[in-house]
Amino acid sequence: MSLSPIPRGVYPSISRISPKALAKRGIRLVLADLDNTLVPYKVTEPSAELKVWKEELEAAGVALFLLSNSRRPGRVQKFAEKLGIPYQGHSGKPRRAGYLRAMERMGVTPEQTVMVGDQIFTDTLGANNAGVIPLLVKPIRLAGNPGRYLRYAAEAPFRLLGKRRPFL
C-alpha cells in the first residue's frame, strides 16, 4: 500500500472505462464516487449513460458500489437505490477504513477492486492507501464552489502523471 496521489490512468468519463477490460484484468468491484464522478453535484437521478454503464458492468461480472463522503442526509442512499446498487456514505476518504469496509461487504480483495473518482486527494490517495487501483475521471462540472478550482489546479501535476500510466 502506498500514499501515492498518482492514479492509474485518467479518463474523460466513466463511460470510457470499459467493463469488459476491467473484467479481463480480474476486477470484480468498482467503487465509485458520486458527486462530479457519476453525476454533477446536486443531481438526484442517474443518467441514461450511467444506467447503461452499470448494466455493462453487471454483464461483465463486475459490481458497482457507491462510495461517497457525502454528508447530506439521504442523498447517497436515495441515489444508490434508484440505480439498484449498494452504497456507503460518510466513507471518510482518503482513510482506508471506508474502502476496506466496502470490499469486505462485497467479498473482494483490493486486487479485485478499482476506485473511480474525480479527486486526487480523496479518491486516488485513499484508493492507493487501501491497495485499490485508482482510476481518475475528469470532473463533470467545476461550477459552483471556487475552492474546487483551486483543488483541481493543485491536482493537475498528478493528473498528468496518471495519464502516463493507464490501467486499461
C-alpha atoms as a PDB file:
ATOM      1  CA  MET A   1       0.000   0.000   0.000  1.00  0.00           C
ATOM      2  CA  SER A   2       1.146   3.464  -0.822  1.00  0.00           C
ATOM      3  CA  LEU A   3       0.301   7.059  -0.049  1.00  0.00           C
ATOM      4  CA  SER A   4       0.772   7.966  -3.691  1.00  0.00           C
ATOM      5  CA  PRO A   5      -1.510  10.636  -5.180  1.00  0.00           C
ATOM      6  CA  ILE A   6      -0.945   9.291  -8.707  1.00  0.00           C
ATOM      7  CA  PRO A   7      -3.861   7.484 -10.407  1.00  0.00           C
ATOM      8  CA  ARG A   8      -3.636   4.549 -12.817  1.00  0.00           C
ATOM      9  CA  GLY A   9      -4.965   6.431 -15.784  1.00  0.00           C
ATOM     10  CA  VAL A  10      -7.115   9.489 -16.326  1.00  0.00           C
ATOM     11  CA  TYR A  11     -10.295   9.009 -18.323  1.00  0.00           C
ATOM     12  CA  PRO A  12     -12.696  11.568 -19.858  1.00  0.00           C
ATOM     13  CA  SER A  13     -15.732   9.984 -18.133  1.00  0.00           C
ATOM     14  CA  ILE A  14     -16.943   6.748 -16.581  1.00  0.00           C
ATOM     15  CA  SER A  15     -18.297   5.564 -19.930  1.00  0.00           C
ATOM     16  CA  ARG A  16     -14.714   5.491 -21.266  1.00  0.00           C
ATOM     17  CA  ILE A  17     -13.780   2.867 -18.657  1.00  0.00           C
ATOM     18  CA  SER A  18     -14.571  -0.448 -20.341  1.00  0.00           C
ATOM     19  CA  PRO A  19     -16.370  -3.001 -18.163  1.00  0.00           C
ATOM     20  CA  LYS A  20     -15.052  -5.838 -20.350  1.00  0.00           C
ATOM     21  CA  ALA A  21     -11.478  -4.570 -19.987  1.00  0.00           C
ATOM     22  CA  LEU A  22     -11.926  -4.351 -16.217  1.00  0.00           C
ATOM     23  CA  ALA A  23     -13.186  -7.938 -16.070  1.00  0.00           C
ATOM     24  CA  LYS A  24     -10.248  -9.113 -18.209  1.00  0.00           C
ATOM     25  CA  ARG A  25      -7.909  -7.564 -15.622  1.00  0.00           C
ATOM     26  CA  GLY A  26      -9.623  -9.564 -12.851  1.00  0.00           C
ATOM     27  CA  ILE A  27     -11.662  -6.670 -11.462  1.00  0.00           C
ATOM     28  CA  ARG A  28     -14.879  -7.703  -9.685  1.00  0.00           C
ATOM     29  CA  LEU A  29     -15.775  -4.452  -7.924  1.00  0.00           C
ATOM     30  CA  VAL A  30     -15.886  -0.801  -8.955  1.00  0.00           C
ATOM     31  CA  LEU A  31     -16.064   1.588  -6.035  1.00  0.00           C
ATOM     32  CA  ALA A  32     -17.326   4.891  -7.410  1.00  0.00           C
ATOM     33  CA  ASP A  33     -17.566   8.392  -6.025  1.00  0.00           C
ATOM     34  CA  LEU A  34     -20.914  10.100  -6.586  1.00  0.00           C
ATOM     35  CA  ASP A  35     -20.597  13.855  -6.998  1.00  0.00           C
ATOM     36  CA  ASN A  36     -18.768  15.033 -10.112  1.00  0.00           C
ATOM     37  CA  THR A  37     -17.821  11.432 -10.964  1.00  0.00           C
ATOM     38  CA  LEU A  38     -21.113   9.681 -11.700  1.00  0.00           C
ATOM     39  CA  VAL A  39     -23.307  12.789 -11.862  1.00  0.00           C
ATOM     40  CA  PRO A  40     -22.895  16.534 -11.298  1.00  0.00           C
ATOM     41  CA  TYR A  41     -23.353  17.906  -7.783  1.00  0.00           C
ATOM     42  CA  LYS A  42     -26.989  18.046  -6.655  1.00  0.00           C
ATOM     43  CA  VAL A  43     -28.253  15.771  -9.452  1.00  0.00           C
ATOM     44  CA  THR A  44     -30.560  13.184  -7.900  1.00  0.00           C
ATOM     45  CA  GLU A  45     -31.323  10.913 -10.861  1.00  0.00           C
ATOM     46  CA  PRO A  46     -28.915   8.506 -12.593  1.00  0.00           C
ATOM     47  CA  SER A  47     -28.351   9.460 -16.233  1.00  0.00           C
ATOM     48  CA  ALA A  48     -29.125   7.095 -19.103  1.00  0.00           C
ATOM     49  CA  GLU A  49     -25.361   6.850 -19.742  1.00  0.00           C
ATOM     50  CA  LEU A  50     -24.740   5.784 -16.137  1.00  0.00           C
ATOM     51  CA  LYS A  51     -27.521   3.183 -16.264  1.00  0.00           C
ATOM     52  CA  VAL A  52     -26.055   1.673 -19.437  1.00  0.00           C
ATOM     53  CA  TRP A  53     -22.538   1.592 -17.906  1.00  0.00           C
ATOM     54  CA  LYS A  54     -23.890  -0.121 -14.769  1.00  0.00           C
ATOM     55  CA  GLU A  55     -25.636  -2.745 -16.919  1.00  0.00           C
ATOM     56  CA  GLU A  56     -22.432  -3.317 -18.902  1.00  0.00           C
ATOM     57  CA  LEU A  57     -20.502  -3.765 -15.637  1.00  0.00           C
ATOM     58  CA  GLU A  58     -23.041  -6.337 -14.430  1.00  0.00           C
ATOM     59  CA  ALA A  59     -22.910  -8.192 -17.754  1.00  0.00           C
ATOM     60  CA  ALA A  60     -19.111  -8.391 -17.384  1.00  0.00           C
ATOM     61  CA  GLY A  61     -19.432  -9.759 -13.834  1.00  0.00           C
ATOM     62  CA  VAL A  62     -18.330  -6.532 -12.148  1.00  0.00           C
ATOM     63  CA  ALA A  63     -20.330  -4.970  -9.300  1.00  0.00           C
ATOM     64  CA  LEU A  64     -20.763  -1.212  -8.887  1.00  0.00           C
ATOM     65  CA  PHE A  65     -20.673   0.209  -5.344  1.00  0.00           C
ATOM     66  CA  LEU A  66     -21.259   3.841  -4.406  1.00  0.00           C
ATOM     67  CA  LEU A  67     -18.518   5.049  -2.022  1.00  0.00           C
ATOM     68  CA  SER A  68     -19.137   8.640  -1.041  1.00  0.00           C
ATOM     69  CA  ASN A  69     -18.044  11.183   1.532  1.00  0.00           C
ATOM     70  CA  SER A  70     -21.360  12.994   1.177  1.00  0.00           C
ATOM     71  CA  ARG A  71     -22.883  14.064   4.467  1.00  0.00           C
ATOM     72  CA  ARG A  72     -26.198  15.217   3.012  1.00  0.00           C
ATOM     73  CA  PRO A  73     -28.862  13.093   4.717  1.00  0.00           C
ATOM     74  CA  GLY A  74     -30.294  10.501   2.361  1.00  0.00           C
ATOM     75  CA  ARG A  75     -28.536  11.687  -0.808  1.00  0.00           C
ATOM     76  CA  VAL A  76     -26.253   8.688  -1.283  1.00  0.00           C
ATOM     77  CA  GLN A  77     -28.875   6.170  -0.183  1.00  0.00           C
ATOM     78  CA  LYS A  78     -31.606   7.522  -2.478  1.00  0.00           C
ATOM     79  CA  PHE A  79     -29.272   7.728  -5.469  1.00  0.00           C
ATOM     80  CA  ALA A  80     -27.942   4.190  -4.923  1.00  0.00           C
ATOM     81  CA  GLU A  81     -31.459   2.823  -4.551  1.00  0.00           C
ATOM     82  CA  LYS A  82     -32.524   4.444  -7.840  1.00  0.00           C
ATOM     83  CA  LEU A  83     -29.546   2.783  -9.527  1.00  0.00           C
ATOM     84  CA  GLY A  84     -30.030  -0.511  -7.687  1.00  0.00           C
ATOM     85  CA  ILE A  85     -26.540  -0.702  -6.198  1.00  0.00           C
ATOM     86  CA  PRO A  86     -25.037  -0.991  -2.705  1.00  0.00           C
ATOM     87  CA  TYR A  87     -23.668   2.153  -1.112  1.00  0.00           C
ATOM     88  CA  GLN A  88     -21.729   3.637   1.757  1.00  0.00           C
ATOM     89  CA  GLY A  89     -21.941   7.286   2.757  1.00  0.00           C
ATOM     90  CA  HIS A  90     -19.682   9.132   5.212  1.00  0.00           C
ATOM     91  CA  SER A  91     -16.824   6.932   3.950  1.00  0.00           C
ATOM     92  CA  GLY A  92     -14.034   9.106   5.318  1.00  0.00           C
ATOM     93  CA  LYS A  93     -11.935   9.094   2.144  1.00  0.00           C
ATOM     94  CA  PRO A  94      -8.922   9.205   1.959  1.00  0.00           C
ATOM     95  CA  ARG A  95      -8.750   6.994   5.074  1.00  0.00           C
ATOM     96  CA  ARG A  96      -8.502   3.251   4.345  1.00  0.00           C
ATOM     97  CA  ALA A  97     -11.346   2.136   6.596  1.00  0.00           C
ATOM     98  CA  GLY A  98     -14.182   3.047   4.223  1.00  0.00           C
ATOM     99  CA  TYR A  99     -12.562   1.220   1.313  1.00  0.00           C
ATOM    100  CA  LEU A 100     -11.861  -1.858   3.432  1.00  0.00           C
ATOM    101  CA  ARG A 101     -15.433  -1.929   4.799  1.00  0.00           C
ATOM    102  CA  ALA A 102     -16.898  -1.748   1.296  1.00  0.00           C
ATOM    103  CA  MET A 103     -14.661  -4.543  -0.016  1.00  0.00           C
ATOM    104  CA  GLU A 104     -15.479  -6.731   2.979  1.00  0.00           C
ATOM    105  CA  ARG A 105     -19.204  -6.223   2.367  1.00  0.00           C
ATOM    106  CA  MET A 106     -18.757  -7.235  -1.257  1.00  0.00           C
ATOM    107  CA  GLY A 107     -16.403 -10.168  -0.593  1.00  0.00           C
ATOM    108  CA  VAL A 108     -13.498  -8.961  -2.736  1.00  0.00           C
ATOM    109  CA  THR A 109      -9.834  -8.134  -2.259  1.00  0.00           C
ATOM    110  CA  PRO A 110      -8.047  -4.880  -3.092  1.00  0.00           C
ATOM    111  CA  GLU A 111      -6.505  -6.566  -6.162  1.00  0.00           C
ATOM    112  CA  GLN A 112     -10.026  -7.210  -7.487  1.00  0.00           C
ATOM    113  CA  THR A 113     -11.144  -3.629  -6.917  1.00  0.00           C
ATOM    114  CA  VAL A 114     -10.842  -0.258  -8.624  1.00  0.00           C
ATOM    115  CA  MET A 115     -11.901   3.140  -7.312  1.00  0.00           C
ATOM    116  CA  VAL A 116     -13.307   5.593  -9.846  1.00  0.00           C
ATOM    117  CA  GLY A 117     -13.329   9.189  -8.694  1.00  0.00           C
ATOM    118  CA  ASP A 118     -12.719  12.770  -9.745  1.00  0.00           C
ATOM    119  CA  GLN A 119     -10.426  13.938  -6.931  1.00  0.00           C
ATOM    120  CA  ILE A 120      -6.786  13.147  -6.267  1.00  0.00           C
ATOM    121  CA  PHE A 121      -6.669  13.989  -2.564  1.00  0.00           C
ATOM    122  CA  THR A 122      -9.674  11.879  -1.572  1.00  0.00           C
ATOM    123  CA  ASP A 123     -10.437   9.200  -4.177  1.00  0.00           C
ATOM    124  CA  THR A 124      -6.972   8.449  -5.581  1.00  0.00           C
ATOM    125  CA  LEU A 125      -4.976   8.905  -2.396  1.00  0.00           C
ATOM    126  CA  GLY A 126      -7.429   6.776  -0.429  1.00  0.00           C
ATOM    127  CA  ALA A 127      -7.529   4.028  -3.049  1.00  0.00           C
ATOM    128  CA  ASN A 128      -3.741   3.801  -3.159  1.00  0.00           C
ATOM    129  CA  ASN A 129      -3.666   3.776   0.648  1.00  0.00           C
ATOM    130  CA  ALA A 130      -6.110   0.829   0.705  1.00  0.00           C
ATOM    131  CA  GLY A 131      -4.280  -1.112  -2.028  1.00  0.00           C
ATOM    132  CA  VAL A 132      -7.098  -0.460  -4.519  1.00  0.00           C
ATOM    133  CA  ILE A 133      -6.396   0.570  -8.118  1.00  0.00           C
ATOM    134  CA  PRO A 134      -7.325   4.264  -8.530  1.00  0.00           C
ATOM    135  CA  LEU A 135      -8.876   5.378 -11.830  1.00  0.00           C
ATOM    136  CA  LEU A 136      -9.439   9.097 -12.213  1.00  0.00           C
ATOM    137  CA  VAL A 137     -12.111  10.734 -14.348  1.00  0.00           C
ATOM    138  CA  LYS A 138     -12.357  14.307 -15.474  1.00  0.00           C
ATOM    139  CA  PRO A 139     -14.735  16.205 -13.150  1.00  0.00           C
ATOM    140  CA  ILE A 140     -18.158  16.555 -14.748  1.00  0.00           C
ATOM    141  CA  ARG A 141     -18.631  20.190 -13.743  1.00  0.00           C
ATOM    142  CA  LEU A 142     -16.480  22.635 -11.787  1.00  0.00           C
ATOM    143  CA  ALA A 143     -19.058  25.385 -11.478  1.00  0.00           C
ATOM    144  CA  GLY A 144     -20.169  26.447  -8.055  1.00  0.00           C
ATOM    145  CA  ASN A 145     -17.559  26.278  -5.342  1.00  0.00           C
ATOM    146  CA  PRO A 146     -14.445  28.423  -6.014  1.00  0.00           C
ATOM    147  CA  GLY A 147     -12.431  26.072  -3.800  1.00  0.00           C
ATOM    148  CA  ARG A 148     -12.896  23.314  -6.375  1.00  0.00           C
ATOM    149  CA  TYR A 149     -10.937  25.314  -8.945  1.00  0.00           C
ATOM    150  CA  LEU A 150      -8.030  25.644  -6.548  1.00  0.00           C
ATOM    151  CA  ARG A 151      -8.143  21.981  -5.566  1.00  0.00           C
ATOM    152  CA  TYR A 152      -8.238  20.804  -9.170  1.00  0.00           C
ATOM    153  CA  ALA A 153      -5.382  23.160 -10.060  1.00  0.00           C
ATOM    154  CA  ALA A 154      -3.281  21.648  -7.251  1.00  0.00           C
ATOM    155  CA  GLU A 155      -4.118  18.187  -8.609  1.00  0.00           C
ATOM    156  CA  ALA A 156      -3.003  18.981 -12.188  1.00  0.00           C
ATOM    157  CA  PRO A 157       0.553  17.559 -11.942  1.00  0.00           C
ATOM    158  CA  PHE A 158      -0.766  14.272 -10.541  1.00  0.00           C
ATOM    159  CA  ARG A 159      -3.377  14.049 -13.290  1.00  0.00           C
ATOM    160  CA  LEU A 160      -0.624  14.461 -15.888  1.00  0.00           C
ATOM    161  CA  LEU A 161       1.453  11.725 -14.277  1.00  0.00           C
ATOM    162  CA  GLY A 162      -1.607   9.474 -14.133  1.00  0.00           C
ATOM    163  CA  LYS A 163      -2.228   9.864 -17.857  1.00  0.00           C
ATOM    164  CA  ARG A 164       1.179   8.272 -18.439  1.00  0.00           C
ATOM    165  CA  ARG A 165       0.314   5.083 -16.564  1.00  0.00           C
ATOM    166  CA  PRO A 166      -3.085   3.830 -17.686  1.00  0.00           C
ATOM    167  CA  PHE A 167      -4.564   0.683 -16.159  1.00  0.00           C
ATOM    168  CA  LEU A 168      -6.716  -0.086 -19.195  1.00  0.00           C
END
